[in-house]
N, C-alpha and C. Protein backbone atom coordinates (compact mmCIF):
# COMPACT_ATOMS: atom_id res chain seq x y z
N MET A 1 36.81 21.64 18.74
CA MET A 1 35.17 21.92 19.15
C MET A 1 34.61 20.46 19.42
N THR A 2 33.59 20.48 20.30
CA THR A 2 33.08 19.00 21.04
C THR A 2 32.29 19.26 20.75
N ARG A 3 31.54 17.82 20.04
CA ARG A 3 30.76 17.17 19.56
C ARG A 3 29.30 17.87 19.64
N TYR A 4 28.51 18.72 20.75
CA TYR A 4 27.75 19.15 20.83
C TYR A 4 27.83 20.67 20.17
N LYS A 5 29.21 21.08 20.62
CA LYS A 5 29.26 23.02 20.19
C LYS A 5 29.43 22.58 19.01
N GLU A 6 30.32 21.77 18.05
CA GLU A 6 29.47 21.34 16.17
C GLU A 6 27.60 21.53 15.67
N ASP A 7 27.80 20.52 16.87
CA ASP A 7 26.07 20.06 16.44
C ASP A 7 24.71 22.01 15.90
N ARG A 8 25.91 22.66 17.92
CA ARG A 8 24.63 23.53 18.79
C ARG A 8 25.31 23.71 17.23
N ALA A 9 26.29 24.73 16.56
CA ALA A 9 26.76 25.63 15.25
C ALA A 9 25.79 25.44 13.73
N PHE A 10 26.19 24.18 13.92
CA PHE A 10 25.35 23.86 12.68
C PHE A 10 23.65 24.84 12.68
N THR A 11 23.35 23.68 13.41
CA THR A 11 21.28 23.87 13.95
C THR A 11 21.62 25.99 13.89
N ASP A 12 22.43 26.30 14.87
CA ASP A 12 22.14 27.97 14.70
C ASP A 12 22.19 28.94 12.81
N TYR A 13 22.88 27.87 12.96
CA TYR A 13 23.54 28.48 10.81
C TYR A 13 21.46 28.15 9.92
N VAL A 14 21.52 27.08 10.30
CA VAL A 14 19.89 26.45 9.83
C VAL A 14 19.63 27.22 10.15
N HIS A 15 18.83 26.99 11.87
CA HIS A 15 18.43 28.17 11.94
C HIS A 15 18.28 29.69 11.41
N LYS A 16 18.55 30.32 11.37
CA LYS A 16 19.27 31.55 11.60
C LYS A 16 18.82 31.88 9.17
N ASN A 17 19.38 31.77 8.77
CA ASN A 17 19.09 31.10 7.10
C ASN A 17 18.24 30.73 6.74
N LEU A 18 17.54 29.47 7.29
CA LEU A 18 16.28 28.64 6.81
C LEU A 18 15.01 27.96 7.32
N ALA A 19 15.51 27.83 8.88
CA ALA A 19 13.86 28.03 9.76
C ALA A 19 13.45 28.92 9.90
N VAL A 20 13.86 30.49 10.12
CA VAL A 20 13.58 31.56 10.24
C VAL A 20 12.80 32.14 9.04
N PRO A 21 13.26 32.24 8.10
CA PRO A 21 12.64 33.19 6.45
C PRO A 21 11.81 32.75 6.10
N ILE A 22 11.99 30.56 5.87
CA ILE A 22 11.59 29.66 5.59
C ILE A 22 10.09 29.11 6.16
N ILE A 23 10.16 28.15 7.81
CA ILE A 23 8.97 27.98 8.61
C ILE A 23 8.34 28.84 9.52
N TYR A 24 9.51 29.61 10.47
CA TYR A 24 9.08 30.48 10.86
C TYR A 24 7.84 32.17 9.90
N SER A 25 8.64 32.39 9.02
CA SER A 25 7.78 33.34 8.52
C SER A 25 6.22 32.47 7.85
N LYS A 26 6.08 31.55 7.69
CA LYS A 26 5.04 29.79 7.17
C LYS A 26 4.18 30.26 8.24
N MET A 27 4.92 30.20 9.82
CA MET A 27 3.68 29.44 10.86
C MET A 27 3.84 31.26 12.08
N ASN A 28 4.16 32.64 11.11
CA ASN A 28 4.14 33.75 11.76
C ASN A 28 3.99 33.20 13.26
N TRP A 29 5.55 33.42 13.18
CA TRP A 29 5.69 33.95 14.68
C TRP A 29 7.43 34.43 14.18
N LYS A 30 7.63 34.93 15.67
CA LYS A 30 8.50 35.75 15.19
C LYS A 30 9.71 35.65 16.21
N PRO A 31 10.77 35.27 16.25
CA PRO A 31 12.01 34.55 16.52
C PRO A 31 12.56 35.63 18.41
N VAL A 32 12.63 35.83 19.69
CA VAL A 32 12.58 35.29 20.77
C VAL A 32 14.20 35.60 20.82
N VAL A 33 15.46 36.44 20.59
CA VAL A 33 16.56 36.97 20.71
C VAL A 33 17.22 36.48 22.28
N CYS A 34 18.11 35.28 22.61
CA CYS A 34 17.90 35.22 23.92
C CYS A 34 19.62 35.11 24.12
N SER A 35 20.60 35.10 25.62
CA SER A 35 21.72 35.20 25.56
C SER A 35 21.83 33.74 25.44
N THR A 36 23.54 33.98 24.28
CA THR A 36 23.77 32.22 24.43
C THR A 36 24.07 31.28 25.29
N THR A 37 24.10 32.19 26.67
CA THR A 37 24.72 32.01 27.54
C THR A 37 22.98 30.52 28.11
N TYR A 38 22.21 31.46 27.68
CA TYR A 38 20.79 30.67 28.19
C TYR A 38 20.64 30.04 27.82
N THR A 39 20.44 30.53 26.26
CA THR A 39 19.44 28.96 25.05
C THR A 39 20.50 28.08 25.60
N ASP A 40 21.86 27.74 25.99
CA ASP A 40 22.28 26.50 25.89
C ASP A 40 21.87 25.46 27.52
N GLN A 41 21.82 25.98 27.70
CA GLN A 41 20.92 25.69 29.60
C GLN A 41 19.58 25.68 28.78
N ARG A 42 18.80 26.25 28.07
CA ARG A 42 17.58 25.37 28.24
C ARG A 42 17.78 24.92 27.32
N ASP A 43 18.14 24.64 26.48
CA ASP A 43 18.55 23.26 25.71
C ASP A 43 19.20 22.08 26.30
N LYS A 44 20.10 22.38 27.89
CA LYS A 44 20.40 21.19 28.23
C LYS A 44 19.73 20.90 29.12
N LYS A 45 19.18 21.67 29.83
CA LYS A 45 18.09 21.36 31.07
C LYS A 45 16.95 20.68 30.36
N ASP A 46 15.89 21.86 30.17
CA ASP A 46 15.03 20.85 28.59
C ASP A 46 14.44 21.25 27.88
N GLY A 47 15.19 20.67 27.27
CA GLY A 47 15.04 20.30 25.17
C GLY A 47 14.49 21.56 24.63
N ILE A 48 14.83 22.58 25.22
CA ILE A 48 14.25 23.46 23.88
C ILE A 48 15.80 24.80 24.02
N ASP A 49 15.86 24.73 22.11
CA ASP A 49 16.69 25.89 22.11
C ASP A 49 16.16 26.56 21.32
N TYR A 50 15.36 27.14 21.19
CA TYR A 50 14.53 29.04 20.72
C TYR A 50 13.58 29.59 20.77
N GLN A 51 13.02 30.17 20.81
CA GLN A 51 11.96 30.79 21.36
C GLN A 51 11.32 31.70 20.78
N ALA A 52 9.62 31.95 20.75
CA ALA A 52 9.29 32.86 19.75
C ALA A 52 7.79 32.82 19.76
N ILE A 53 7.20 34.21 19.55
CA ILE A 53 5.56 34.85 20.10
C ILE A 53 5.49 34.51 18.50
N ASP A 54 3.69 33.97 18.29
CA ASP A 54 3.36 32.89 18.14
C ASP A 54 1.64 34.87 17.45
N SER A 55 1.34 34.05 16.97
CA SER A 55 0.51 35.24 16.22
C SER A 55 -0.71 35.40 16.26
N SER A 56 -0.30 34.66 18.24
CA SER A 56 -1.09 35.77 19.14
C SER A 56 -1.26 36.06 20.18
N GLY A 57 0.45 36.74 19.57
CA GLY A 57 1.17 37.60 21.08
C GLY A 57 1.56 36.23 22.01
N LEU A 58 2.04 34.97 21.80
CA LEU A 58 1.64 33.62 23.22
C LEU A 58 3.22 33.33 22.41
N LYS A 59 3.98 33.39 23.19
CA LYS A 59 5.59 33.17 23.08
C LYS A 59 5.48 31.21 23.78
N VAL A 60 6.03 30.59 22.58
CA VAL A 60 6.68 29.56 22.11
C VAL A 60 7.87 28.61 22.95
N THR A 61 7.77 27.75 22.87
CA THR A 61 9.20 27.20 22.28
C THR A 61 9.84 25.63 21.69
N ILE A 62 10.34 25.80 20.97
CA ILE A 62 11.23 25.40 19.59
C ILE A 62 11.70 24.63 20.31
N GLN A 63 12.34 23.36 19.34
CA GLN A 63 13.52 22.32 19.73
C GLN A 63 13.37 21.99 18.22
N GLU A 64 15.22 22.08 17.54
CA GLU A 64 15.14 22.44 16.70
C GLU A 64 15.54 21.39 16.30
N ARG A 65 15.48 19.90 15.13
CA ARG A 65 16.70 19.41 14.72
C ARG A 65 16.64 19.29 13.50
N PHE A 66 17.93 19.26 12.69
CA PHE A 66 17.97 19.42 11.51
C PHE A 66 19.21 18.23 11.28
N ARG A 67 19.20 17.73 9.49
CA ARG A 67 19.63 17.20 8.74
C ARG A 67 20.72 17.19 7.27
N ASP A 68 21.33 17.07 7.42
CA ASP A 68 22.74 17.69 6.00
C ASP A 68 21.74 16.56 4.95
N VAL A 69 22.58 17.40 3.75
CA VAL A 69 21.35 15.98 2.95
C VAL A 69 21.70 14.90 2.78
N TYR A 70 22.71 14.18 3.39
CA TYR A 70 23.14 12.68 3.48
C TYR A 70 21.77 11.94 3.72
N ALA A 71 21.34 12.65 5.26
CA ALA A 71 19.12 12.43 5.53
C ALA A 71 18.46 12.43 4.21
N LYS A 72 18.38 12.83 3.26
CA LYS A 72 17.77 12.96 2.39
C LYS A 72 16.77 11.91 2.21
N ASN A 73 16.84 10.48 2.78
CA ASN A 73 16.22 8.66 1.68
C ASN A 73 15.02 9.07 3.19
N TYR A 74 15.65 9.38 4.56
CA TYR A 74 14.76 9.20 5.42
C TYR A 74 13.38 10.07 6.05
N ASN A 75 12.79 8.83 6.64
CA ASN A 75 11.17 10.17 6.05
C ASN A 75 10.66 10.08 6.78
N ASP A 76 11.35 10.42 8.55
CA ASP A 76 10.96 9.72 9.62
C ASP A 76 11.50 11.64 11.39
N PHE A 77 10.87 11.66 11.38
CA PHE A 77 11.09 12.72 12.26
C PHE A 77 11.62 12.27 13.71
N THR A 78 12.66 12.19 14.36
CA THR A 78 13.78 11.93 15.44
C THR A 78 14.16 12.96 16.65
N ILE A 79 13.98 11.48 17.63
CA ILE A 79 13.72 12.73 19.57
C ILE A 79 15.02 11.69 19.73
N ARG A 80 16.17 12.44 20.00
CA ARG A 80 16.84 11.57 21.38
C ARG A 80 16.69 10.46 22.55
N TYR A 81 16.61 10.11 22.49
CA TYR A 81 15.83 8.86 23.26
C TYR A 81 16.51 8.86 25.32
N THR A 82 17.90 7.88 24.35
CA THR A 82 18.43 7.76 26.44
C THR A 82 20.42 8.30 25.37
N ARG A 83 21.30 8.59 26.88
CA ARG A 83 22.50 7.82 26.56
C ARG A 83 23.12 6.98 27.57
N LYS A 84 22.86 6.19 27.13
CA LYS A 84 23.31 5.35 27.62
C LYS A 84 24.59 5.28 29.42
N PHE A 85 25.81 5.75 27.77
CA PHE A 85 27.10 5.22 27.91
C PHE A 85 27.67 6.90 28.63
N SER A 86 27.44 7.88 29.13
CA SER A 86 26.84 9.05 29.70
C SER A 86 27.91 8.14 31.22
N LEU A 87 28.52 9.48 31.51
CA LEU A 87 29.10 9.52 32.37
C LEU A 87 28.80 10.02 33.96
N ARG A 88 27.65 10.39 33.59
CA ARG A 88 26.95 11.83 34.06
C ARG A 88 25.15 11.16 33.86
N PRO A 89 25.17 10.09 35.21
CA PRO A 89 23.07 10.18 35.37
C PRO A 89 22.23 10.67 35.53
N GLU A 90 22.26 12.02 35.40
CA GLU A 90 21.20 13.11 34.93
C GLU A 90 21.23 13.52 33.36
N GLU A 91 22.13 12.46 32.44
CA GLU A 91 22.43 12.40 31.73
C GLU A 91 22.10 11.21 30.58
N GLN A 92 21.34 10.31 31.14
CA GLN A 92 21.78 9.15 30.81
C GLN A 92 19.95 8.98 29.77
N LYS A 93 19.16 9.83 30.87
CA LYS A 93 18.12 9.99 29.89
C LYS A 93 17.43 11.07 29.69
N SER A 94 18.51 11.27 28.27
CA SER A 94 18.14 12.00 27.07
C SER A 94 16.48 12.45 26.87
N GLU A 95 17.29 14.40 25.91
CA GLU A 95 15.68 14.53 25.33
C GLU A 95 14.29 14.28 25.81
N TRP A 96 13.73 13.19 25.12
CA TRP A 96 12.80 11.00 25.17
C TRP A 96 12.55 12.72 26.47
N TYR A 97 13.32 12.22 27.21
CA TYR A 97 12.50 12.65 28.83
C TYR A 97 12.36 13.73 28.95
N LYS A 98 13.29 14.88 29.22
CA LYS A 98 13.45 16.14 29.44
C LYS A 98 12.17 17.33 28.62
N ILE A 99 12.17 16.38 27.50
CA ILE A 99 11.37 17.42 26.84
C ILE A 99 10.86 18.49 27.30
N ASP A 100 11.04 20.34 27.19
CA ASP A 100 9.41 20.39 27.67
C ASP A 100 9.21 21.97 26.66
N ALA A 101 9.71 21.70 25.29
CA ALA A 101 9.01 22.75 24.23
C ALA A 101 7.66 22.41 24.14
N THR A 102 7.27 23.05 23.27
CA THR A 102 6.01 22.92 23.00
C THR A 102 6.18 22.81 21.56
N TYR A 103 7.15 23.19 20.39
CA TYR A 103 7.22 22.24 19.07
C TYR A 103 8.85 21.69 18.83
N LEU A 104 8.49 20.60 18.10
CA LEU A 104 9.06 20.16 17.51
C LEU A 104 9.06 20.89 15.63
N ILE A 105 11.05 21.33 15.40
CA ILE A 105 11.57 21.45 13.73
C ILE A 105 11.85 20.60 13.35
N TYR A 106 11.17 19.93 12.11
CA TYR A 106 12.84 18.62 12.14
C TYR A 106 12.98 19.38 10.66
N GLY A 107 13.42 19.43 10.01
CA GLY A 107 14.29 19.43 8.70
C GLY A 107 15.01 18.11 8.04
N ILE A 108 14.97 18.40 6.93
CA ILE A 108 16.43 17.34 6.63
C ILE A 108 16.79 18.23 5.48
N THR A 109 18.06 19.19 5.53
CA THR A 109 18.14 20.25 4.15
C THR A 109 19.25 19.69 3.00
N ASN A 110 19.36 20.31 2.29
CA ASN A 110 19.31 20.61 0.77
C ASN A 110 21.51 20.56 0.28
N GLY A 111 22.29 20.67 2.19
CA GLY A 111 23.55 20.61 1.35
C GLY A 111 24.36 20.02 3.08
N LYS A 112 25.64 20.72 3.50
CA LYS A 112 26.37 19.80 3.88
C LYS A 112 26.47 20.60 5.33
N LYS A 113 26.99 19.77 6.79
CA LYS A 113 26.92 20.40 7.42
C LYS A 113 28.40 20.78 7.94
N PHE A 114 29.35 20.71 7.28
CA PHE A 114 30.26 21.43 8.49
C PHE A 114 31.02 22.82 7.09
N ALA A 115 30.84 23.13 8.53
CA ALA A 115 32.04 23.63 9.10
C ALA A 115 31.96 25.05 7.52
N ASP A 116 33.40 24.32 6.24
CA ASP A 116 33.32 24.75 5.58
C ASP A 116 32.19 24.66 4.03
N ALA A 117 32.14 23.85 4.32
CA ALA A 117 30.51 23.89 3.14
C ALA A 117 28.98 24.24 3.58
N ARG A 118 29.30 25.44 4.38
CA ARG A 118 27.42 25.38 5.53
C ARG A 118 27.21 26.32 3.73
N ASN A 119 28.00 26.66 3.39
CA ASN A 119 27.60 28.12 1.58
C ASN A 119 26.53 26.88 0.67
N THR A 120 26.64 25.35 0.98
CA THR A 120 25.70 25.02 0.52
C THR A 120 24.21 24.32 1.00
N LEU A 121 23.69 24.88 2.27
CA LEU A 121 22.86 24.85 2.75
C LEU A 121 21.54 25.97 2.94
N THR A 122 20.96 25.43 1.68
CA THR A 122 19.95 26.69 0.47
C THR A 122 18.84 26.59 0.95
N ASN A 123 18.55 26.18 1.30
CA ASN A 123 16.64 25.41 1.59
C ASN A 123 16.82 24.32 2.25
N PHE A 124 15.29 23.48 2.32
CA PHE A 124 14.69 22.25 3.66
C PHE A 124 14.76 21.29 1.70
N ILE A 125 14.99 19.34 1.92
CA ILE A 125 14.18 18.74 1.17
C ILE A 125 13.08 18.83 1.17
N LYS A 126 12.54 18.35 3.13
CA LYS A 126 12.27 17.34 3.45
C LYS A 126 12.30 19.41 4.83
N TYR A 127 10.86 19.38 5.58
CA TYR A 127 10.69 19.75 6.93
C TYR A 127 9.38 18.59 8.18
N ILE A 128 8.98 19.56 9.02
CA ILE A 128 7.67 18.70 9.19
C ILE A 128 7.82 20.05 11.27
N VAL A 129 6.54 20.49 11.62
CA VAL A 129 6.55 21.41 12.83
C VAL A 129 5.59 20.14 12.97
N VAL A 130 6.26 19.50 14.69
CA VAL A 130 4.75 18.52 15.30
C VAL A 130 4.99 19.29 17.00
N ASP A 131 3.59 19.58 17.45
CA ASP A 131 3.25 19.21 18.50
C ASP A 131 3.40 18.18 19.60
N LEU A 132 4.41 18.62 20.63
CA LEU A 132 5.19 18.42 20.34
C LEU A 132 4.27 17.41 22.06
N ASN A 133 3.07 17.87 22.55
CA ASN A 133 2.23 18.12 23.40
C ASN A 133 1.06 16.38 23.21
N GLN A 134 0.84 16.70 21.78
CA GLN A 134 0.24 16.63 21.22
C GLN A 134 0.73 15.18 21.12
N VAL A 135 2.08 14.65 20.68
CA VAL A 135 3.01 13.25 20.15
C VAL A 135 2.37 12.33 22.13
N LYS A 136 2.94 13.63 22.66
CA LYS A 136 3.38 13.25 24.11
C LYS A 136 1.46 12.20 24.67
N ASN A 137 0.22 13.01 24.40
CA ASN A 137 -0.95 12.30 24.29
C ASN A 137 -0.47 10.96 23.75
N LEU A 138 -0.41 10.84 22.88
CA LEU A 138 -0.28 9.85 21.59
C LEU A 138 0.30 8.76 23.20
N PHE A 139 1.33 8.99 23.43
CA PHE A 139 2.08 8.01 23.96
C PHE A 139 1.80 7.74 25.35
N ARG A 140 1.01 9.15 25.00
CA ARG A 140 0.17 7.88 27.46
C ARG A 140 -1.18 7.71 27.02
N LYS A 141 -2.02 7.44 25.60
CA LYS A 141 -2.92 7.11 25.76
C LYS A 141 -2.83 4.77 24.75
N GLY A 142 -0.72 5.51 25.11
CA GLY A 142 -0.91 3.94 23.83
C GLY A 142 -0.91 3.95 23.10
N VAL A 143 -1.05 4.64 21.14
CA VAL A 143 -1.04 5.26 20.92
C VAL A 143 0.03 5.16 19.30
N ILE A 144 0.90 5.67 20.52
CA ILE A 144 2.32 5.07 19.83
C ILE A 144 2.96 4.70 21.28
N LYS A 145 4.20 3.65 20.88
CA LYS A 145 4.59 3.00 21.92
C LYS A 145 6.49 2.86 20.97
N ILE A 146 7.03 2.49 21.82
CA ILE A 146 8.83 2.49 22.04
C ILE A 146 8.99 1.42 22.01
N PRO A 147 9.16 0.33 21.31
CA PRO A 147 9.56 -1.03 22.25
C PRO A 147 11.54 -1.02 23.00
N ASN A 148 11.04 -2.14 23.07
CA ASN A 148 11.96 -2.62 24.12
C ASN A 148 13.64 -2.58 23.09
N ASN A 149 13.25 -3.52 22.02
CA ASN A 149 14.75 -3.25 20.91
C ASN A 149 15.39 -2.16 20.30
N PHE A 150 16.07 -2.60 19.84
CA PHE A 150 15.58 -1.86 18.17
C PHE A 150 15.68 -1.82 17.49
N ALA A 151 14.96 -1.00 16.24
CA ALA A 151 14.04 -1.57 15.40
C ALA A 151 14.77 -0.29 14.34
N ASN A 152 15.02 0.05 12.95
CA ASN A 152 14.80 0.20 12.10
C ASN A 152 13.98 0.93 10.90
N SER A 153 12.38 0.71 11.96
CA SER A 153 11.47 1.57 10.80
C SER A 153 10.18 1.77 11.55
N SER A 154 9.50 2.47 11.59
CA SER A 154 8.04 2.70 12.90
C SER A 154 7.43 1.24 12.54
N LEU A 155 6.00 1.41 12.93
CA LEU A 155 5.97 -0.99 12.61
C LEU A 155 4.67 -0.81 12.74
N ILE A 156 3.19 -0.34 12.75
CA ILE A 156 1.83 -1.04 13.00
C ILE A 156 1.43 -2.36 13.35
N THR A 157 1.16 -2.96 14.45
CA THR A 157 0.78 -3.93 15.42
C THR A 157 -1.31 -3.79 15.39
N VAL A 158 -1.06 -4.40 15.56
CA VAL A 158 -3.20 -4.72 16.10
C VAL A 158 -3.08 -5.20 17.85
N GLU A 159 -2.95 -4.42 18.56
CA GLU A 159 -3.40 -5.13 20.48
C GLU A 159 -4.84 -4.96 20.42
N GLU A 160 -5.81 -5.24 21.21
CA GLU A 160 -7.05 -5.88 21.79
C GLU A 160 -7.38 -4.70 20.88
N GLY A 161 -8.11 -4.46 19.45
CA GLY A 161 -9.08 -4.77 18.80
C GLY A 161 -7.85 -3.15 18.21
N ARG A 162 -7.11 -2.41 18.50
CA ARG A 162 -6.13 -1.14 18.16
C ARG A 162 -5.18 -1.17 17.22
N HIS A 163 -5.05 0.28 16.51
CA HIS A 163 -3.64 -0.29 15.59
C HIS A 163 -3.03 0.50 16.95
N VAL A 164 -1.66 -0.10 16.39
CA VAL A 164 -0.84 0.98 17.57
C VAL A 164 0.48 1.33 16.13
N LEU A 165 1.63 2.26 16.31
CA LEU A 165 2.54 2.99 15.81
C LEU A 165 4.08 2.49 17.23
N TYR A 166 3.96 1.52 16.78
CA TYR A 166 5.86 1.69 17.66
C TYR A 166 6.61 1.87 16.67
N THR A 167 7.44 2.96 17.53
CA THR A 167 8.72 3.54 16.79
C THR A 167 10.33 2.74 16.62
N ALA A 168 10.59 3.46 15.57
CA ALA A 168 12.09 3.19 15.98
C ALA A 168 12.45 3.40 16.53
N LYS A 169 13.30 2.52 16.58
CA LYS A 169 14.65 3.17 17.25
C LYS A 169 16.11 2.47 16.67
N LYS A 170 17.27 3.23 17.87
CA LYS A 170 17.69 3.46 16.64
C LYS A 170 19.44 3.16 18.06
N GLU A 171 20.14 3.45 17.22
CA GLU A 171 21.41 3.93 17.50
C GLU A 171 22.69 4.55 16.86
N ASN A 172 23.06 5.60 18.11
CA ASN A 172 23.90 6.62 16.53
C ASN A 172 25.62 5.57 16.06
N LEU A 173 25.56 6.00 15.49
CA LEU A 173 26.73 5.00 14.37
C LEU A 173 28.29 5.50 15.69
N ASP A 174 28.53 6.40 16.68
CA ASP A 174 29.40 6.56 17.64
C ASP A 174 29.17 5.73 18.95
N TYR A 175 27.35 5.00 19.17
CA TYR A 175 27.77 4.88 19.65
C TYR A 175 27.23 6.17 21.29
N SER A 176 27.13 6.97 21.29
CA SER A 176 26.59 8.15 22.37
C SER A 176 25.54 7.93 22.81
N SER A 177 24.45 7.71 21.63
CA SER A 177 22.65 8.32 21.88
C SER A 177 21.70 6.23 21.02
N GLU A 178 20.81 6.07 22.30
CA GLU A 178 19.88 6.20 21.29
C GLU A 178 19.02 6.84 21.08
N PHE A 179 18.56 6.73 19.39
CA PHE A 179 16.89 8.23 19.66
C PHE A 179 15.59 6.85 18.21
N ILE A 180 14.52 7.52 19.12
CA ILE A 180 12.77 7.61 18.59
C ILE A 180 13.06 7.84 16.96
N ALA A 181 12.58 6.98 15.92
CA ALA A 181 11.89 7.51 15.25
C ALA A 181 10.69 7.89 14.98
N ILE A 182 9.72 8.30 14.16
CA ILE A 182 8.42 8.04 13.68
C ILE A 182 7.80 8.62 12.76
N ASP A 183 7.71 7.88 11.74
CA ASP A 183 7.61 8.01 10.50
C ASP A 183 5.82 8.46 10.18
N PRO A 184 5.89 9.36 10.16
CA PRO A 184 4.74 10.55 9.71
C PRO A 184 3.44 10.10 9.05
N ASN A 185 3.54 8.95 8.20
CA ASN A 185 2.84 8.47 6.80
C ASN A 185 2.03 7.24 8.01
N LYS A 186 3.16 7.02 8.78
CA LYS A 186 2.75 4.71 9.38
C LYS A 186 1.59 5.99 10.45
N LEU A 187 1.63 6.99 10.78
CA LEU A 187 1.40 7.77 11.81
C LEU A 187 0.14 7.56 11.22
N ILE A 188 -0.14 8.44 10.00
CA ILE A 188 -1.83 9.00 9.66
C ILE A 188 -2.55 7.40 9.36
N GLU A 189 -1.51 6.35 9.26
CA GLU A 189 -2.57 5.06 9.43
C GLU A 189 -3.76 4.87 10.56
N VAL A 190 -2.38 5.41 11.34
CA VAL A 190 -2.70 4.60 12.87
C VAL A 190 -3.74 5.49 13.10
N ILE A 191 -4.34 6.69 12.93
CA ILE A 191 -4.72 8.41 14.05
C ILE A 191 -5.43 8.53 12.47
N GLY A 192 -5.90 8.44 11.90
CA GLY A 192 -5.98 9.14 10.26
C GLY A 192 -5.95 11.14 10.47
N SER A 193 -7.01 11.88 9.93
CA SER A 193 -7.01 13.14 10.07
C SER A 193 -7.17 13.51 11.19
N SER A 194 -6.43 13.16 12.51
CA SER A 194 -6.48 14.08 13.35
C SER A 194 -4.12 14.44 13.80
N ILE A 195 -4.03 13.32 12.31
CA ILE A 195 -2.60 14.03 12.12
C ILE A 195 -2.67 15.12 12.52
N ASN A 196 -4.04 15.73 11.95
CA ASN A 196 -3.84 17.74 11.07
C ASN A 196 -3.48 18.56 13.30
N ASP A 197 -3.91 17.60 14.36
CA ASP A 197 -3.76 18.14 15.71
C ASP A 197 -2.14 18.18 15.91
N VAL A 198 -1.46 17.15 15.52
CA VAL A 198 -0.15 16.27 15.05
C VAL A 198 1.12 17.91 14.82
N VAL A 199 1.01 17.24 13.14
CA VAL A 199 1.44 18.26 12.55
C VAL A 199 0.91 19.43 11.97
N LEU A 200 1.45 20.83 12.69
CA LEU A 200 0.81 22.32 12.00
C LEU A 200 1.76 22.84 10.98
N CYS A 201 2.62 21.47 10.13
CA CYS A 201 2.62 21.97 8.73
C CYS A 201 4.00 21.05 8.17
N GLN A 202 3.95 20.76 6.70
CA GLN A 202 5.10 19.60 6.37
C GLN A 202 5.55 20.39 5.32
N LYS A 203 6.46 19.99 4.50
CA LYS A 203 6.74 19.73 3.09
C LYS A 203 7.99 18.37 2.51
N GLY A 204 7.04 17.38 2.10
CA GLY A 204 8.66 16.52 2.22
C GLY A 204 8.60 15.27 2.75
N PHE A 205 7.04 15.46 3.34
CA PHE A 205 7.15 13.97 4.33
C PHE A 205 6.26 13.28 4.03
N TYR A 206 5.04 14.20 3.31
CA TYR A 206 3.86 13.58 2.93
C TYR A 206 2.79 13.97 1.21
């Protein structure tokens, strides 16, 4: 099984068994079932994993990223940034550049991701639902920036008299991609109560 298919199988399992009953029900979202082929195409092209109908009857699109218990001590949500070693030029700019989803659900589970240990996945240690349009607006305004070099954690600086949050920027252990990571607590330090426009709901992050 390819790395993509392994990750997809883990995400689909957590989506069905944890995200829908725990998070979707809290958000009053009703999942929309799509074919596997269509779902894979939207994921690769637009960074969209799933769709749902919200409480107003409107369709929302969702990217979901889940981690197993190994990541329990991390307190940021991540988005893939680049795949600089990809042989396909169109894949070298990753999810950050193509993402068209309305929301990001990021969750850290209490079990292991391996296929023979999925029964250990029974709950979320942490989860957060983020409005991606609000996040993009903060980048457009220069409130959040991505550093040029790798950084292990988010950093707050003062530029031209205002606070700016620089994301963490890291590389996967297998060097397959780079990703950015945003610490919600540090984002609160920068934007204050406006965090409520960015984060729809959360558990365990703050």
